[in-house]
Amino acid sequence: MDDWRGFSLPQDSTGELALYGPPPWHFEGVSASIFLSYDAQRAAVLVPPPLKLFGDPVARLSVHDLVCDYGLGDDFVQRNPDLALLGEAVVGFLVEHDGVVGQWCPYLWCTTDAEFAVGREFYGWSQQIGEMCLTRKPFRGWRSGDAISGLVSRGNRAVFEFEISLD
């Protein structure tokens, strides 16, 4: 067992089976987000102590269409498009603790086991496997009036969807 390699499980003698490597991880892609108001009293149950909701009651819903090297470098991305391409969706709230403001995401979905594993094992996020769809840029480029749609589903059931009309 002393000769097993890999930053994450599963480990093997080469380290090539690990789902992800050490930070830094490099991401590239496109995202769409909407912001919506919520009932702060009802949402407070989604935020664990010692965090507290902060500021105006506005949440962020985002859908991301990404490429990630998972800390395994450019060669991994080039040779493993099936593993490097991923979708991710987030519901986030602004929170505060001891004067420090940040974001808490009680709901996250992703499309790959590596993103799922790193989210849960490395960061302790409440990540789940799901499906994401996000409108791609039209061949002609974006124009005023175009629509961007995001859809997040899990178990063949919609979790959330949105549509943004470009000005």
Foldseek 3Di string as FASTA:
>chain_A
DVQWDAPAPPTHNVNVVHLAHDDDKDKDWDKDKDKDADDLVVCQVLDDPPKHFDDGRIKMKMKTWMFMCRHVDDVCCVVCVVSRTKMKIWIWTWIDDPRDIDIDTQEMEMAHPSVVCCCCPVVNHPYYHWDKDWDDADPVGDDQQDKIKIWIGDPPHTPDIDIDGHD
